[in-house]
PDB file of N, CA and C in Angstrom:
ATOM      1  N   MET A   1      78.258  13.950 -13.967  1.00  0.00           N
ATOM      2  CA  MET A   1      78.138  15.382 -14.231  1.00  0.00           C
ATOM      3  C   MET A   1      79.152  15.714 -15.510  1.00  0.00           C
ATOM      4  N   GLN A   2      78.630  16.461 -16.505  1.00  0.00           N
ATOM      5  CA  GLN A   2      79.309  16.710 -17.720  1.00  0.00           C
ATOM      6  C   GLN A   2      80.240  18.014 -17.331  1.00  0.00           C
ATOM      7  N   PRO A   3      81.454  17.996 -18.020  1.00  0.00           N
ATOM      8  CA  PRO A   3      82.343  19.021 -17.899  1.00  0.00           C
ATOM      9  C   PRO A   3      81.708  20.421 -18.502  1.00  0.00           C
ATOM     10  N   VAL A   4      81.919  21.501 -17.966  1.00  0.00           N
ATOM     11  CA  VAL A   4      81.234  22.788 -18.402  1.00  0.00           C
ATOM     12  C   VAL A   4      82.298  23.349 -19.413  1.00  0.00           C
ATOM     13  N   SER A   5      81.893  23.663 -20.637  1.00  0.00           N
ATOM     14  CA  SER A   5      82.628  24.335 -21.476  1.00  0.00           C
ATOM     15  C   SER A   5      82.218  25.725 -21.445  1.00  0.00           C
ATOM     16  N   LEU A   6      83.196  26.653 -21.324  1.00  0.00           N
ATOM     17  CA  LEU A   6      83.133  28.145 -21.276  1.00  0.00           C
ATOM     18  C   LEU A   6      83.235  28.783 -22.625  1.00  0.00           C
ATOM     19  N   SER A   7      83.290  28.172 -23.673  1.00  0.00           N
ATOM     20  CA  SER A   7      83.580  28.857 -24.966  1.00  0.00           C
ATOM     21  C   SER A   7      82.237  29.586 -25.445  1.00  0.00           C
ATOM     22  N   ALA A   8      82.510  30.637 -26.125  1.00  0.00           N
ATOM     23  CA  ALA A   8      81.398  31.518 -26.473  1.00  0.00           C
ATOM     24  C   ALA A   8      80.470  30.791 -27.429  1.00  0.00           C
ATOM     25  N   ARG A   9      81.085  29.891 -28.316  1.00  0.00           N
ATOM     26  CA  ARG A   9      80.293  29.145 -29.370  1.00  0.00           C
ATOM     27  C   ARG A   9      79.357  28.189 -28.514  1.00  0.00           C
ATOM     28  N   HIS A  10      79.888  27.480 -27.554  1.00  0.00           N
ATOM     29  CA  HIS A  10      79.143  26.590 -26.740  1.00  0.00           C
ATOM     30  C   HIS A  10      77.994  27.313 -26.117  1.00  0.00           C
ATOM     31  N   LYS A  11      78.219  28.406 -25.463  1.00  0.00           N
ATOM     32  CA  LYS A  11      77.139  29.151 -24.764  1.00  0.00           C
ATOM     33  C   LYS A  11      76.088  29.600 -25.839  1.00  0.00           C
ATOM     34  N   GLU A  12      76.479  30.099 -26.990  1.00  0.00           N
ATOM     35  CA  GLU A  12      75.499  30.426 -27.987  1.00  0.00           C
ATOM     36  C   GLU A  12      74.682  29.279 -28.498  1.00  0.00           C
ATOM     37  N   ASP A  13      75.417  28.127 -28.647  1.00  0.00           N
ATOM     38  CA  ASP A  13      74.645  26.898 -29.106  1.00  0.00           C
ATOM     39  C   ASP A  13      73.679  26.419 -28.049  1.00  0.00           C
ATOM     40  N   GLN A  14      74.057  26.612 -26.749  1.00  0.00           N
ATOM     41  CA  GLN A  14      73.114  26.295 -25.721  1.00  0.00           C
ATOM     42  C   GLN A  14      71.939  27.093 -25.671  1.00  0.00           C
ATOM     43  N   ALA A  15      72.079  28.403 -25.856  1.00  0.00           N
ATOM     44  CA  ALA A  15      70.931  29.310 -25.792  1.00  0.00           C
ATOM     45  C   ALA A  15      70.089  29.398 -26.939  1.00  0.00           C
ATOM     46  N   PHE A  16      70.742  29.271 -28.077  1.00  0.00           N
ATOM     47  CA  PHE A  16      69.929  29.433 -29.396  1.00  0.00           C
ATOM     48  C   PHE A  16      70.187  28.373 -30.347  1.00  0.00           C
ATOM     49  N   SER A  17      69.283  28.141 -31.260  1.00  0.00           N
ATOM     50  CA  SER A  17      69.504  27.107 -32.216  1.00  0.00           C
ATOM     51  C   SER A  17      70.327  27.894 -33.318  1.00  0.00           C
ATOM     52  N   LEU A  18      71.234  27.065 -33.905  1.00  0.00           N
ATOM     53  CA  LEU A  18      72.029  27.528 -35.048  1.00  0.00           C
ATOM     54  C   LEU A  18      71.231  27.840 -36.324  1.00  0.00           C
ATOM     55  N   LYS A  19      70.160  27.057 -36.443  1.00  0.00           N
ATOM     56  CA  LYS A  19      69.427  27.292 -37.633  1.00  0.00           C
ATOM     57  C   LYS A  19      68.258  28.258 -37.299  1.00  0.00           C
ATOM     58  N   SER A  20      68.072  29.149 -38.485  1.00  0.00           N
ATOM     59  CA  SER A  20      67.044  30.230 -38.270  1.00  0.00           C
ATOM     60  C   SER A  20      65.776  29.602 -38.500  1.00  0.00           C
ATOM     61  N   SER A  21      64.737  30.266 -37.555  1.00  0.00           N
ATOM     62  CA  SER A  21      63.343  29.729 -37.573  1.00  0.00           C
ATOM     63  C   SER A  21      62.670  30.325 -38.833  1.00  0.00           C
ATOM     64  N   ASP A  22      63.278  31.464 -39.425  1.00  0.00           N
ATOM     65  CA  ASP A  22      62.686  32.053 -40.464  1.00  0.00           C
ATOM     66  C   ASP A  22      63.341  31.596 -41.842  1.00  0.00           C
ATOM     67  N   PRO A  23      62.718  30.828 -42.614  1.00  0.00           N
ATOM     68  CA  PRO A  23      63.357  30.327 -43.930  1.00  0.00           C
ATOM     69  C   PRO A  23      63.754  31.410 -44.761  1.00  0.00           C
ATOM     70  N   GLY A  24      63.139  32.639 -44.786  1.00  0.00           N
ATOM     71  CA  GLY A  24      63.660  33.622 -45.599  1.00  0.00           C
ATOM     72  C   GLY A  24      64.827  34.246 -45.261  1.00  0.00           C
ATOM     73  N   GLU A  25      65.123  34.400 -44.051  1.00  0.00           N
ATOM     74  CA  GLU A  25      66.393  34.795 -43.543  1.00  0.00           C
ATOM     75  C   GLU A  25      67.629  34.013 -43.963  1.00  0.00           C
ATOM     76  N   GLN A  26      67.370  32.569 -43.993  1.00  0.00           N
ATOM     77  CA  GLN A  26      68.490  31.712 -44.479  1.00  0.00           C
ATOM     78  C   GLN A  26      68.817  31.976 -45.888  1.00  0.00           C
ATOM     79  N   GLY A  27      67.698  32.264 -46.751  1.00  0.00           N
ATOM     80  CA  GLY A  27      68.005  32.459 -48.070  1.00  0.00           C
ATOM     81  C   GLY A  27      68.695  33.743 -48.439  1.00  0.00           C
ATOM     82  N   GLY A  28      68.473  34.900 -47.615  1.00  0.00           N
ATOM     83  CA  GLY A  28      69.163  36.021 -47.640  1.00  0.00           C
ATOM     84  C   GLY A  28      70.542  35.979 -47.327  1.00  0.00           C
ATOM     85  N   GLN A  29      70.844  35.120 -46.243  1.00  0.00           N
ATOM     86  CA  GLN A  29      72.236  34.884 -45.843  1.00  0.00           C
ATOM     87  C   GLN A  29      73.050  34.322 -46.991  1.00  0.00           C
ATOM     88  N   ASP A  30      72.351  33.219 -47.690  1.00  0.00           N
ATOM     89  CA  ASP A  30      73.056  32.621 -48.786  1.00  0.00           C
ATOM     90  C   ASP A  30      73.419  33.445 -49.907  1.00  0.00           C
ATOM     91  N   ALA A  31      72.491  34.469 -50.235  1.00  0.00           N
ATOM     92  CA  ALA A  31      72.533  35.468 -51.292  1.00  0.00           C
ATOM     93  C   ALA A  31      73.751  36.254 -50.982  1.00  0.00           C
ATOM     94  N   ARG A  32      73.805  36.925 -49.636  1.00  0.00           N
ATOM     95  CA  ARG A  32      74.827  37.774 -49.321  1.00  0.00           C
ATOM     96  C   ARG A  32      76.265  37.073 -49.424  1.00  0.00           C
ATOM     97  N   THR A  33      76.282  35.804 -48.985  1.00  0.00           N
ATOM     98  CA  THR A  33      77.523  34.967 -48.961  1.00  0.00           C
ATOM     99  C   THR A  33      77.951  34.901 -50.479  1.00  0.00           C
ATOM    100  N   ASN A  34      76.958  34.629 -51.243  1.00  0.00           N
ATOM    101  CA  ASN A  34      77.410  34.491 -52.719  1.00  0.00           C
ATOM    102  C   ASN A  34      77.859  35.754 -53.291  1.00  0.00           C
ATOM    103  N   ASP A  35      77.334  36.890 -52.825  1.00  0.00           N
ATOM    104  CA  ASP A  35      77.802  38.166 -53.282  1.00  0.00           C
ATOM    105  C   ASP A  35      79.320  38.267 -53.016  1.00  0.00           C
ATOM    106  N   VAL A  36      79.737  37.988 -51.796  1.00  0.00           N
ATOM    107  CA  VAL A  36      81.238  38.051 -51.455  1.00  0.00           C
ATOM    108  C   VAL A  36      82.060  37.264 -52.545  1.00  0.00           C
ATOM    109  N   GLY A  37      81.631  35.990 -52.687  1.00  0.00           N
ATOM    110  CA  GLY A  37      82.373  34.999 -53.469  1.00  0.00           C
ATOM    111  C   GLY A  37      82.315  35.505 -54.961  1.00  0.00           C
ATOM    112  N   ARG A  38      81.146  36.098 -55.392  1.00  0.00           N
ATOM    113  CA  ARG A  38      80.962  36.371 -56.709  1.00  0.00           C
ATOM    114  C   ARG A  38      81.861  37.644 -57.061  1.00  0.00           C
ATOM    115  N   PHE A  39      81.783  38.630 -56.250  1.00  0.00           N
ATOM    116  CA  PHE A  39      82.725  39.805 -56.374  1.00  0.00           C
ATOM    117  C   PHE A  39      84.238  39.489 -56.351  1.00  0.00           C
ATOM    118  N   GLY A  40      84.595  38.631 -55.413  1.00  0.00           N
ATOM    119  CA  GLY A  40      85.990  38.117 -55.341  1.00  0.00           C
ATOM    120  C   GLY A  40      86.447  37.453 -56.648  1.00  0.00           C
ATOM    121  N   THR A  41      85.580  36.570 -57.108  1.00  0.00           N
ATOM    122  CA  THR A  41      85.906  35.784 -58.401  1.00  0.00           C
ATOM    123  C   THR A  41      86.077  36.707 -59.509  1.00  0.00           C
ATOM    124  N   ILE A  42      85.117  37.587 -59.605  1.00  0.00           N
ATOM    125  CA  ILE A  42      85.192  38.574 -60.677  1.00  0.00           C
ATOM    126  C   ILE A  42      86.564  39.359 -60.615  1.00  0.00           C
ATOM    127  N   CYS A  43      86.877  39.922 -59.428  1.00  0.00           N
ATOM    128  CA  CYS A  43      88.071  40.638 -59.197  1.00  0.00           C
ATOM    129  C   CYS A  43      89.247  39.901 -59.747  1.00  0.00           C
ATOM    130  N   ALA A  44      89.316  38.580 -59.252  1.00  0.00           N
ATOM    131  CA  ALA A  44      90.520  37.763 -59.571  1.00  0.00           C
ATOM    132  C   ALA A  44      90.551  37.526 -61.108  1.00  0.00           C
ATOM    133  N   LEU A  45      89.470  37.314 -61.662  1.00  0.00           N
ATOM    134  CA  LEU A  45      89.456  37.013 -63.205  1.00  0.00           C
ATOM    135  C   LEU A  45      89.906  38.352 -63.980  1.00  0.00           C
ATOM    136  N   LEU A  46      89.460  39.487 -63.468  1.00  0.00           N
ATOM    137  CA  LEU A  46      89.815  40.774 -64.177  1.00  0.00           C
ATOM    138  C   LEU A  46      91.336  41.011 -63.931  1.00  0.00           C
ATOM    139  N   ILE A  47      91.943  40.855 -62.738  1.00  0.00           N
ATOM    140  CA  ILE A  47      93.232  41.170 -62.550  1.00  0.00           C
ATOM    141  C   ILE A  47      94.078  40.114 -63.302  1.00  0.00           C
ATOM    142  N   CYS A  48      93.739  38.870 -63.332  1.00  0.00           N
ATOM    143  CA  CYS A  48      94.417  37.851 -64.191  1.00  0.00           C
ATOM    144  C   CYS A  48      94.379  38.114 -65.606  1.00  0.00           C
ATOM    145  N   SER A  49      93.246  38.716 -66.102  1.00  0.00           N
ATOM    146  CA  SER A  49      93.147  39.086 -67.524  1.00  0.00           C
ATOM    147  C   SER A  49      93.968  40.312 -67.769  1.00  0.00           C
ATOM    148  N   MET A  50      94.051  41.232 -66.823  1.00  0.00           N
ATOM    149  CA  MET A  50      94.882  42.350 -66.926  1.00  0.00           C
ATOM    150  C   MET A  50      96.466  41.936 -67.138  1.00  0.00           C
ATOM    151  N   VAL A  51      96.866  40.989 -66.373  1.00  0.00           N
ATOM    152  CA  VAL A  51      98.285  40.488 -66.409  1.00  0.00           C
ATOM    153  C   VAL A  51      98.389  39.959 -67.796  1.00  0.00           C
ATOM    154  N   ALA A  52      97.495  38.976 -68.194  1.00  0.00           N
ATOM    155  CA  ALA A  52      97.714  38.466 -69.508  1.00  0.00           C
ATOM    156  C   ALA A  52      97.605  39.345 -70.602  1.00  0.00           C
ATOM    157  N   VAL A  53      96.906  40.416 -70.633  1.00  0.00           N
ATOM    158  CA  VAL A  53      96.809  41.394 -71.663  1.00  0.00           C
ATOM    159  C   VAL A  53      98.099  42.136 -71.622  1.00  0.00           C
ATOM    160  N   MET A  54      98.683  42.429 -70.455  1.00  0.00           N
ATOM    161  CA  MET A  54     100.053  43.017 -70.390  1.00  0.00           C
ATOM    162  C   MET A  54     101.081  42.351 -71.104  1.00  0.00           C
ATOM    163  N   PHE A  55     101.112  40.874 -70.879  1.00  0.00           N
ATOM    164  CA  PHE A  55     102.142  40.107 -71.462  1.00  0.00           C
ATOM    165  C   PHE A  55     101.802  39.956 -73.101  1.00  0.00           C
ATOM    166  N   ILE A  56     100.630  39.910 -73.339  1.00  0.00           N
ATOM    167  CA  ILE A  56     100.262  39.875 -74.830  1.00  0.00           C
ATOM    168  C   ILE A  56     100.747  41.093 -75.525  1.00  0.00           C
ATOM    169  N   GLY A  57     100.508  42.200 -74.841  1.00  0.00           N
ATOM    170  CA  GLY A  57     100.889  43.579 -75.412  1.00  0.00           C
ATOM    171  C   GLY A  57     102.485  43.650 -75.705  1.00  0.00           C
ATOM    172  N   VAL A  58     103.171  43.099 -74.673  1.00  0.00           N
ATOM    173  CA  VAL A  58     104.572  43.104 -74.713  1.00  0.00           C
ATOM    174  C   VAL A  58     105.172  42.121 -75.888  1.00  0.00           C
ATOM    175  N   PHE A  59     104.547  41.009 -75.854  1.00  0.00           N
ATOM    176  CA  PHE A  59     105.001  39.914 -76.882  1.00  0.00           C
ATOM    177  C   PHE A  59     104.686  40.443 -78.205  1.00  0.00           C
ATOM    178  N   LEU A  60     103.537  40.934 -78.529  1.00  0.00           N
ATOM    179  CA  LEU A  60     103.141  41.376 -79.767  1.00  0.00           C
ATOM    180  C   LEU A  60     103.453  42.832 -80.151  1.00  0.00           C
ATOM    181  N   SER A  61     104.154  43.585 -79.253  1.00  0.00           N
ATOM    182  CA  SER A  61     104.482  44.871 -79.483  1.00  0.00           C
ATOM    183  C   SER A  61     103.283  45.830 -79.848  1.00  0.00           C
ATOM    184  N   ILE A  62     102.168  45.577 -79.071  1.00  0.00           N
ATOM    185  CA  ILE A  62     100.825  46.335 -79.262  1.00  0.00           C
ATOM    186  C   ILE A  62     100.654  47.229 -77.959  1.00  0.00           C
ATOM    187  N   ASP A  63     100.283  48.417 -78.148  1.00  0.00           N
ATOM    188  CA  ASP A  63      99.988  49.355 -76.981  1.00  0.00           C
ATOM    189  C   ASP A  63      98.640  48.983 -76.583  1.00  0.00           C
ATOM    190  N   LEU A  64      98.402  48.330 -75.363  1.00  0.00           N
ATOM    191  CA  LEU A  64      97.146  48.001 -74.863  1.00  0.00           C
ATOM    192  C   LEU A  64      97.048  48.717 -73.543  1.00  0.00           C
ATOM    193  N   ALA A  65      97.539  49.790 -73.273  1.00  0.00           N
ATOM    194  CA  ALA A  65      97.525  50.426 -72.077  1.00  0.00           C
ATOM    195  C   ALA A  65      96.091  50.838 -71.679  1.00  0.00           C
ATOM    196  N   ASP A  66      95.306  51.197 -72.638  1.00  0.00           N
ATOM    197  CA  ASP A  66      93.917  51.462 -72.316  1.00  0.00           C
ATOM    198  C   ASP A  66      93.124  50.326 -71.758  1.00  0.00           C
ATOM    199  N   VAL A  67      93.312  49.122 -72.486  1.00  0.00           N
ATOM    200  CA  VAL A  67      92.630  47.862 -72.081  1.00  0.00           C
ATOM    201  C   VAL A  67      93.133  47.544 -70.502  1.00  0.00           C
ATOM    202  N   VAL A  68      94.415  47.650 -70.433  1.00  0.00           N
ATOM    203  CA  VAL A  68      94.974  47.246 -69.034  1.00  0.00           C
ATOM    204  C   VAL A  68      94.454  48.244 -68.054  1.00  0.00           C
ATOM    205  N   ALA A  69      94.279  49.470 -68.161  1.00  0.00           N
ATOM    206  CA  ALA A  69      93.706  50.426 -67.224  1.00  0.00           C
ATOM    207  C   ALA A  69      92.277  50.060 -67.014  1.00  0.00           C
ATOM    208  N   LEU A  70      91.584  49.875 -68.045  1.00  0.00           N
ATOM    209  CA  LEU A  70      90.235  49.395 -67.849  1.00  0.00           C
ATOM    210  C   LEU A  70      90.016  48.177 -67.044  1.00  0.00           C
ATOM    211  N   LEU A  71      90.696  47.156 -67.287  1.00  0.00           N
ATOM    212  CA  LEU A  71      90.728  45.911 -66.607  1.00  0.00           C
ATOM    213  C   LEU A  71      91.157  46.147 -65.101  1.00  0.00           C
ATOM    214  N   PHE A  72      92.126  46.980 -64.885  1.00  0.00           N
ATOM    215  CA  PHE A  72      92.487  47.291 -63.572  1.00  0.00           C
ATOM    216  C   PHE A  72      91.441  48.073 -62.760  1.00  0.00           C
ATOM    217  N   VAL A  73      90.917  49.121 -63.321  1.00  0.00           N
ATOM    218  CA  VAL A  73      89.835  49.869 -62.666  1.00  0.00           C
ATOM    219  C   VAL A  73      88.651  48.945 -62.407  1.00  0.00           C
ATOM    220  N   ALA A  74      88.320  48.057 -63.392  1.00  0.00           N
ATOM    221  CA  ALA A  74      87.134  47.055 -63.129  1.00  0.00           C
ATOM    222  C   ALA A  74      87.365  46.183 -61.972  1.00  0.00           C
ATOM    223  N   GLY A  75      88.665  45.629 -62.124  1.00  0.00           N
ATOM    224  CA  GLY A  75      89.072  44.734 -60.994  1.00  0.00           C
ATOM    225  C   GLY A  75      89.119  45.317 -59.636  1.00  0.00           C
ATOM    226  N   MET A  76      89.431  46.542 -59.488  1.00  0.00           N
ATOM    227  CA  MET A  76      89.454  47.229 -58.224  1.00  0.00           C
ATOM    228  C   MET A  76      88.162  47.544 -57.645  1.00  0.00           C
ATOM    229  N   LEU A  77      87.083  47.898 -58.691  1.00  0.00           N
ATOM    230  CA  LEU A  77      85.727  48.127 -58.347  1.00  0.00           C
ATOM    231  C   LEU A  77      85.183  46.625 -57.871  1.00  0.00           C
ATOM    232  N   ALA A  78      85.415  45.690 -58.414  1.00  0.00           N
ATOM    233  CA  ALA A  78      84.983  44.325 -57.933  1.00  0.00           C
ATOM    234  C   ALA A  78      85.542  44.161 -56.693  1.00  0.00           C
ATOM    235  N   PHE A  79      86.685  44.387 -56.451  1.00  0.00           N
ATOM    236  CA  PHE A  79      87.445  44.093 -55.172  1.00  0.00           C
ATOM    237  C   PHE A  79      86.763  45.022 -53.960  1.00  0.00           C
ATOM    238  N   ILE A  80      86.451  46.256 -54.304  1.00  0.00           N
ATOM    239  CA  ILE A  80      85.771  47.081 -53.356  1.00  0.00           C
ATOM    240  C   ILE A  80      84.304  46.515 -53.154  1.00  0.00           C
ATOM    241  N   GLY A  81      83.667  46.130 -54.232  1.00  0.00           N
ATOM    242  CA  GLY A  81      82.348  45.437 -53.927  1.00  0.00           C
ATOM    243  C   GLY A  81      82.486  44.138 -53.008  1.00  0.00           C
ATOM    244  N   ALA A  82      83.520  43.350 -53.253  1.00  0.00           N
ATOM    245  CA  ALA A  82      83.656  42.177 -52.314  1.00  0.00           C
ATOM    246  C   ALA A  82      84.005  42.629 -50.817  1.00  0.00           C
ATOM    247  N   LEU A  83      84.677  43.644 -50.662  1.00  0.00           N
ATOM    248  CA  LEU A  83      85.011  44.124 -49.368  1.00  0.00           C
ATOM    249  C   LEU A  83      83.751  44.750 -48.715  1.00  0.00           C
ATOM    250  N   LEU A  84      82.964  45.483 -49.399  1.00  0.00           N
ATOM    251  CA  LEU A  84      81.736  45.985 -49.007  1.00  0.00           C
ATOM    252  C   LEU A  84      80.783  44.946 -48.586  1.00  0.00           C
ATOM    253  N   ALA A  85      80.661  43.846 -49.413  1.00  0.00           N
ATOM    254  CA  ALA A  85      79.786  42.704 -49.095  1.00  0.00           C
ATOM    255  C   ALA A  85      80.311  41.980 -47.877  1.00  0.00           C
ATOM    256  N   PHE A  86      81.563  41.808 -47.759  1.00  0.00           N
ATOM    257  CA  PHE A  86      82.149  41.239 -46.558  1.00  0.00           C
ATOM    258  C   PHE A  86      81.917  41.983 -45.360  1.00  0.00           C
ATOM    259  N   LEU A  87      82.037  43.299 -45.416  1.00  0.00           N
ATOM    260  CA  LEU A  87      81.798  44.232 -44.342  1.00  0.00           C
ATOM    261  C   LEU A  87      80.351  44.148 -43.894  1.00  0.00           C
ATOM    262  N   SER A  88      79.375  44.082 -44.787  1.00  0.00           N
ATOM    263  CA  SER A  88      78.095  43.959 -44.388  1.00  0.00           C
ATOM    264  C   SER A  88      77.752  42.642 -43.792  1.00  0.00           C
ATOM    265  N   GLU A  89      78.403  41.494 -44.187  1.00  0.00           N
ATOM    266  CA  GLU A  89      78.359  40.180 -43.388  1.00  0.00           C
ATOM    267  C   GLU A  89      78.834  40.356 -42.001  1.00  0.00           C
ATOM    268  N   VAL A  90      80.036  41.120 -41.904  1.00  0.00           N
ATOM    269  CA  VAL A  90      80.532  41.315 -40.442  1.00  0.00           C
ATOM    270  C   VAL A  90      79.678  42.056 -39.554  1.00  0.00           C
ATOM    271  N   PHE A  91      78.902  43.190 -40.211  1.00  0.00           N
ATOM    272  CA  PHE A  91      78.017  44.012 -39.363  1.00  0.00           C
ATOM    273  C   PHE A  91      76.753  43.173 -38.990  1.00  0.00           C
ATOM    274  N   ILE A  92      76.392  42.313 -39.934  1.00  0.00           N
ATOM    275  CA  ILE A  92      75.138  41.370 -39.597  1.00  0.00           C
ATOM    276  C   ILE A  92      75.638  40.355 -38.472  1.00  0.00           C
ATOM    277  N   ALA A  93      76.766  39.845 -38.702  1.00  0.00           N
ATOM    278  CA  ALA A  93      77.225  38.857 -37.702  1.00  0.00           C
ATOM    279  C   ALA A  93      77.292  39.350 -36.288  1.00  0.00           C
ATOM    280  N   VAL A  94      77.875  40.668 -36.201  1.00  0.00           N
ATOM    281  CA  VAL A  94      77.995  41.282 -34.926  1.00  0.00           C
ATOM    282  C   VAL A  94      76.617  41.753 -34.346  1.00  0.00           C
ATOM    283  N   LYS A  95      75.861  42.125 -35.095  1.00  0.00           N
ATOM    284  CA  LYS A  95      74.399  42.565 -34.740  1.00  0.00           C
ATOM    285  C   LYS A  95      73.687  41.356 -34.250  1.00  0.00           C
ATOM    286  N   THR A  96      73.923  40.285 -34.766  1.00  0.00           N
ATOM    287  CA  THR A  96      73.065  39.000 -34.344  1.00  0.00           C
ATOM    288  C   THR A  96      73.771  38.110 -33.298  1.00  0.00           C
ATOM    289  N   LEU A  97      74.984  38.552 -32.943  1.00  0.00           N
ATOM    290  CA  LEU A  97      75.663  37.839 -32.036  1.00  0.00           C
ATOM    291  C   LEU A  97      74.908  37.804 -30.679  1.00  0.00           C
ATOM    292  N   ARG A  98      74.715  36.764 -30.185  1.00  0.00           N
ATOM    293  CA  ARG A  98      73.805  36.661 -28.887  1.00  0.00           C
ATOM    294  C   ARG A  98      74.449  36.111 -27.728  1.00  0.00           C
ATOM    295  N   ILE A  99      75.719  36.604 -27.431  1.00  0.00           N
ATOM    296  CA  ILE A  99      76.422  36.144 -26.319  1.00  0.00           C
ATOM    297  C   ILE A  99      76.397  37.367 -25.215  1.00  0.00           C
ATOM    298  N   GLY A 100      76.088  37.044 -24.111  1.00  0.00           N
ATOM    299  CA  GLY A 100      75.893  38.102 -23.065  1.00  0.00           C
ATOM    300  C   GLY A 100      76.014  37.510 -21.751  1.00  0.00           C
ATOM    301  N   MET A 101      76.157  38.243 -20.758  1.00  0.00           N
ATOM    302  CA  MET A 101      76.170  37.775 -19.347  1.00  0.00           C
ATOM    303  C   MET A 101      74.626  37.537 -18.907  1.00  0.00           C
ATOM    304  N   LYS A 102      74.391  36.533 -18.223  1.00  0.00           N
ATOM    305  CA  LYS A 102      73.069  36.120 -17.680  1.00  0.00           C
ATOM    306  C   LYS A 102      73.049  36.299 -16.168  1.00  0.00           C
TER     307      LYS A 102
END
């Protein structure tokens, strides 16, 4: 007799297959996951660019405040996009969670 695992993941694996039977659903999941990474990467690049522009402005004694502000706002918009994409992933995961009492 095998030991019984009471973990939620084990129960879910026993009850349902981890792979979706609908191939279109899997493609949609990949696209949503890519959105989180894409927005996060864009955010990081914009914020790093902002810091670089700030240093360049100080070293060259150039007023780049408008460029810094633009990069900061764009970076924050990308960050908000990443958070919204992640939040939608969380909602989808919670909605599709199939653990319950039998």
